[in-house]
Amino acid sequence: MSKMTKSQLMQELSAKSGLTKKDVVMMMDNLVKLAYVQVKKNGEFVVPGLGKLVKVHRDARMGRNPATGASIQIPAKTVVKFRVAKAAKEAVL
């Protein structure tokens, strides 16, 4: 079985919700934009039953260049992670 494409996902959501595919695409685009804004502003965005996007600070650390073996300094940075909800883990596993 192959991965579901964005088009297939939108078609499936459209069929299950009774909304037009255009409405589903617009709703999903708005959900994604809202998630980005909320993570940037509040540090997290929760999708109930699925998980949450969280903004996490990574401290500076020493790393190693795999090609040369030389030690390098990796600077501190902020990253976004997705934490899967317990309900989603239980449903899938």
N, C-alpha and C. Protein backbone atom coordinates (compact mmCIF):
# COMPACT_ATOMS: atom_id res chain seq x y z
N MET A 1 0.84 -1.19 0.00
CA MET A 1 0.00 0.00 0.00
C MET A 1 0.89 1.25 0.00
N SER A 2 0.55 2.21 -0.84
CA SER A 2 1.36 3.41 -0.94
C SER A 2 0.85 4.50 0.00
N LYS A 3 1.68 5.51 0.18
CA LYS A 3 1.32 6.64 1.03
C LYS A 3 0.17 7.42 0.40
N MET A 4 -0.65 8.02 1.24
CA MET A 4 -1.75 8.84 0.76
C MET A 4 -1.21 10.21 0.36
N THR A 5 -1.55 10.65 -0.84
CA THR A 5 -1.10 11.95 -1.31
C THR A 5 -2.01 13.03 -0.73
N LYS A 6 -1.59 14.28 -0.87
CA LYS A 6 -2.41 15.40 -0.38
C LYS A 6 -3.76 15.41 -1.09
N SER A 7 -3.75 15.18 -2.39
CA SER A 7 -4.99 15.16 -3.16
C SER A 7 -5.93 14.05 -2.69
N GLN A 8 -5.37 12.87 -2.43
CA GLN A 8 -6.18 11.76 -1.94
C GLN A 8 -6.74 12.06 -0.55
N LEU A 9 -5.93 12.68 0.30
CA LEU A 9 -6.38 13.06 1.64
C LEU A 9 -7.54 14.04 1.56
N MET A 10 -7.41 15.06 0.71
CA MET A 10 -8.47 16.06 0.57
C MET A 10 -9.75 15.42 0.02
N GLN A 11 -9.60 14.50 -0.93
CA GLN A 11 -10.76 13.80 -1.51
C GLN A 11 -11.46 12.97 -0.44
N GLU A 12 -10.68 12.25 0.37
CA GLU A 12 -11.24 11.42 1.44
C GLU A 12 -11.97 12.25 2.48
N LEU A 13 -11.36 13.37 2.91
CA LEU A 13 -12.00 14.26 3.89
C LEU A 13 -13.27 14.86 3.32
N SER A 14 -13.23 15.20 2.04
CA SER A 14 -14.40 15.76 1.37
C SER A 14 -15.55 14.75 1.36
N ALA A 15 -15.24 13.51 1.02
CA ALA A 15 -16.27 12.46 0.97
C ALA A 15 -16.86 12.18 2.34
N LYS A 16 -16.02 12.17 3.38
CA LYS A 16 -16.50 11.85 4.73
C LYS A 16 -17.22 13.00 5.41
N SER A 17 -16.89 14.24 5.02
CA SER A 17 -17.48 15.39 5.70
C SER A 17 -18.69 15.95 4.96
N GLY A 18 -18.83 15.64 3.68
CA GLY A 18 -19.92 16.21 2.90
C GLY A 18 -19.60 17.59 2.37
N LEU A 19 -18.41 18.09 2.66
CA LEU A 19 -17.98 19.39 2.14
C LEU A 19 -17.37 19.20 0.76
N THR A 20 -17.28 20.30 0.01
CA THR A 20 -16.62 20.21 -1.29
C THR A 20 -15.11 20.09 -1.07
N LYS A 21 -14.42 19.56 -2.06
CA LYS A 21 -12.97 19.40 -1.96
C LYS A 21 -12.32 20.77 -1.78
N LYS A 22 -12.86 21.78 -2.47
CA LYS A 22 -12.32 23.15 -2.37
C LYS A 22 -12.43 23.67 -0.94
N ASP A 23 -13.58 23.40 -0.28
CA ASP A 23 -13.77 23.84 1.11
C ASP A 23 -12.82 23.12 2.05
N VAL A 24 -12.60 21.83 1.81
CA VAL A 24 -11.69 21.05 2.66
C VAL A 24 -10.26 21.57 2.52
N VAL A 25 -9.84 21.85 1.28
CA VAL A 25 -8.49 22.37 1.04
C VAL A 25 -8.33 23.71 1.75
N MET A 26 -9.33 24.59 1.66
CA MET A 26 -9.25 25.90 2.30
C MET A 26 -9.20 25.74 3.83
N MET A 27 -9.99 24.82 4.37
CA MET A 27 -9.99 24.60 5.82
C MET A 27 -8.64 24.07 6.29
N MET A 28 -8.07 23.14 5.56
CA MET A 28 -6.76 22.59 5.95
C MET A 28 -5.66 23.65 5.84
N ASP A 29 -5.70 24.45 4.80
CA ASP A 29 -4.72 25.53 4.66
C ASP A 29 -4.81 26.51 5.83
N ASN A 30 -6.05 26.83 6.23
CA ASN A 30 -6.25 27.74 7.36
C ASN A 30 -5.79 27.11 8.67
N LEU A 31 -6.00 25.80 8.83
CA LEU A 31 -5.54 25.10 10.03
C LEU A 31 -4.02 25.15 10.13
N VAL A 32 -3.35 24.92 9.01
CA VAL A 32 -1.88 24.95 8.99
C VAL A 32 -1.36 26.36 9.32
N LYS A 33 -1.97 27.39 8.71
CA LYS A 33 -1.55 28.77 8.99
C LYS A 33 -1.76 29.10 10.47
N LEU A 34 -2.89 28.69 11.02
CA LEU A 34 -3.19 28.93 12.43
C LEU A 34 -2.16 28.23 13.32
N ALA A 35 -1.80 26.99 12.96
CA ALA A 35 -0.81 26.24 13.74
C ALA A 35 0.52 26.97 13.76
N TYR A 36 0.97 27.46 12.60
CA TYR A 36 2.24 28.18 12.53
C TYR A 36 2.22 29.43 13.40
N VAL A 37 1.14 30.19 13.33
CA VAL A 37 1.03 31.43 14.11
C VAL A 37 1.03 31.12 15.61
N GLN A 38 0.26 30.11 16.01
CA GLN A 38 0.17 29.78 17.43
C GLN A 38 1.48 29.23 17.99
N VAL A 39 2.19 28.41 17.23
CA VAL A 39 3.47 27.89 17.70
C VAL A 39 4.47 29.03 17.85
N LYS A 40 4.48 29.93 16.88
CA LYS A 40 5.40 31.06 16.95
C LYS A 40 5.08 31.95 18.15
N LYS A 41 3.79 32.19 18.40
CA LYS A 41 3.37 33.10 19.46
C LYS A 41 3.37 32.44 20.85
N ASN A 42 2.81 31.23 20.97
CA ASN A 42 2.61 30.60 22.28
C ASN A 42 3.54 29.43 22.56
N GLY A 43 4.28 28.98 21.56
CA GLY A 43 5.21 27.88 21.79
C GLY A 43 4.62 26.50 21.56
N GLU A 44 3.28 26.41 21.36
CA GLU A 44 2.69 25.11 21.06
C GLU A 44 1.33 25.25 20.40
N PHE A 45 0.93 24.20 19.68
CA PHE A 45 -0.38 24.14 19.03
C PHE A 45 -0.85 22.70 19.14
N VAL A 46 -2.02 22.49 19.75
CA VAL A 46 -2.53 21.15 19.99
C VAL A 46 -3.60 20.79 18.96
N VAL A 47 -3.46 19.59 18.39
CA VAL A 47 -4.49 18.99 17.54
C VAL A 47 -5.05 17.84 18.36
N PRO A 48 -6.22 18.03 18.99
CA PRO A 48 -6.76 17.01 19.89
C PRO A 48 -6.85 15.63 19.24
N GLY A 49 -6.37 14.63 19.95
CA GLY A 49 -6.41 13.26 19.46
C GLY A 49 -5.25 12.89 18.55
N LEU A 50 -4.48 13.87 18.09
CA LEU A 50 -3.37 13.60 17.18
C LEU A 50 -2.03 13.93 17.83
N GLY A 51 -1.90 15.11 18.39
CA GLY A 51 -0.65 15.51 19.04
C GLY A 51 -0.51 17.00 19.07
N LYS A 52 0.72 17.47 19.29
CA LYS A 52 0.93 18.91 19.32
C LYS A 52 2.28 19.29 18.75
N LEU A 53 2.31 20.46 18.13
CA LEU A 53 3.54 21.07 17.67
C LEU A 53 4.08 21.89 18.83
N VAL A 54 5.36 21.75 19.14
CA VAL A 54 5.95 22.53 20.21
C VAL A 54 7.27 23.15 19.75
N LYS A 55 7.50 24.36 20.22
CA LYS A 55 8.75 25.07 19.94
C LYS A 55 9.72 24.73 21.07
N VAL A 56 10.92 24.23 20.72
CA VAL A 56 11.90 23.77 21.71
C VAL A 56 13.24 24.45 21.45
N HIS A 57 13.89 24.90 22.53
CA HIS A 57 15.22 25.51 22.42
C HIS A 57 16.28 24.42 22.57
N ARG A 58 17.20 24.36 21.64
CA ARG A 58 18.33 23.43 21.73
C ARG A 58 19.57 24.22 22.12
N ASP A 59 20.27 23.75 23.15
CA ASP A 59 21.50 24.41 23.59
C ASP A 59 22.63 24.16 22.58
N ALA A 60 23.63 25.02 22.63
CA ALA A 60 24.83 24.83 21.81
C ALA A 60 25.52 23.55 22.28
N ARG A 61 26.17 22.86 21.34
CA ARG A 61 26.84 21.62 21.72
C ARG A 61 27.99 21.33 20.75
N MET A 62 28.83 20.40 21.15
CA MET A 62 29.92 19.97 20.28
C MET A 62 29.43 18.82 19.41
N GLY A 63 29.81 18.85 18.14
CA GLY A 63 29.46 17.79 17.21
C GLY A 63 30.70 17.30 16.50
N ARG A 64 30.54 16.37 15.59
CA ARG A 64 31.68 15.82 14.87
C ARG A 64 31.33 15.76 13.39
N ASN A 65 32.25 16.26 12.56
CA ASN A 65 32.10 16.17 11.11
C ASN A 65 32.35 14.71 10.73
N PRO A 66 31.34 14.01 10.18
CA PRO A 66 31.52 12.59 9.88
C PRO A 66 32.55 12.33 8.77
N ALA A 67 32.76 13.29 7.89
CA ALA A 67 33.71 13.10 6.79
C ALA A 67 35.16 13.19 7.27
N THR A 68 35.43 14.16 8.16
CA THR A 68 36.82 14.38 8.59
C THR A 68 37.09 13.94 10.02
N GLY A 69 36.05 13.79 10.81
CA GLY A 69 36.22 13.43 12.22
C GLY A 69 36.55 14.63 13.09
N ALA A 70 36.60 15.82 12.51
CA ALA A 70 36.93 17.03 13.27
C ALA A 70 35.76 17.45 14.15
N SER A 71 36.06 17.95 15.35
CA SER A 71 35.04 18.47 16.25
C SER A 71 34.60 19.84 15.77
N ILE A 72 33.29 20.08 15.83
CA ILE A 72 32.75 21.38 15.44
C ILE A 72 31.78 21.86 16.51
N GLN A 73 31.63 23.15 16.62
CA GLN A 73 30.68 23.75 17.56
C GLN A 73 29.35 23.93 16.83
N ILE A 74 28.28 23.33 17.38
CA ILE A 74 26.94 23.50 16.81
C ILE A 74 26.26 24.57 17.64
N PRO A 75 25.80 25.67 17.01
CA PRO A 75 25.21 26.77 17.77
C PRO A 75 23.83 26.42 18.33
N ALA A 76 23.42 27.16 19.36
CA ALA A 76 22.08 27.00 19.92
C ALA A 76 21.06 27.45 18.89
N LYS A 77 19.89 26.80 18.91
CA LYS A 77 18.83 27.21 17.99
C LYS A 77 17.48 26.75 18.52
N THR A 78 16.44 27.29 17.94
CA THR A 78 15.08 26.91 18.28
C THR A 78 14.54 26.04 17.15
N VAL A 79 13.90 24.92 17.51
CA VAL A 79 13.35 23.99 16.53
C VAL A 79 11.89 23.70 16.85
N VAL A 80 11.16 23.17 15.89
CA VAL A 80 9.77 22.77 16.09
C VAL A 80 9.72 21.25 16.06
N LYS A 81 9.04 20.67 17.06
CA LYS A 81 8.89 19.21 17.13
C LYS A 81 7.40 18.88 17.19
N PHE A 82 7.07 17.66 16.76
CA PHE A 82 5.70 17.17 16.87
C PHE A 82 5.68 16.06 17.90
N ARG A 83 4.85 16.23 18.92
CA ARG A 83 4.71 15.21 19.96
C ARG A 83 3.37 14.50 19.75
N VAL A 84 3.43 13.21 19.53
CA VAL A 84 2.23 12.43 19.23
C VAL A 84 1.43 12.21 20.51
N ALA A 85 0.10 12.35 20.40
CA ALA A 85 -0.79 12.17 21.55
C ALA A 85 -0.85 10.69 21.94
N LYS A 86 -1.11 10.42 23.21
CA LYS A 86 -1.20 9.07 23.70
C LYS A 86 -2.30 8.30 22.97
N ALA A 87 -3.42 8.95 22.71
CA ALA A 87 -4.54 8.30 22.01
C ALA A 87 -4.12 7.86 20.60
N ALA A 88 -3.32 8.68 19.93
CA ALA A 88 -2.86 8.34 18.58
C ALA A 88 -1.90 7.15 18.63
N LYS A 89 -1.01 7.14 19.61
CA LYS A 89 -0.07 6.02 19.76
C LYS A 89 -0.84 4.72 19.97
N GLU A 90 -1.83 4.77 20.87
CA GLU A 90 -2.59 3.56 21.19
C GLU A 90 -3.41 3.08 19.99
N ALA A 91 -3.94 4.01 19.20
CA ALA A 91 -4.75 3.65 18.04
C ALA A 91 -3.90 3.01 16.94
N VAL A 92 -2.66 3.49 16.78
CA VAL A 92 -1.80 3.00 15.72
C VAL A 92 -1.02 1.74 16.13
N LEU A 93 -0.54 1.73 17.35
CA LEU A 93 0.31 0.60 17.80
C LEU A 93 -0.50 -0.45 18.43
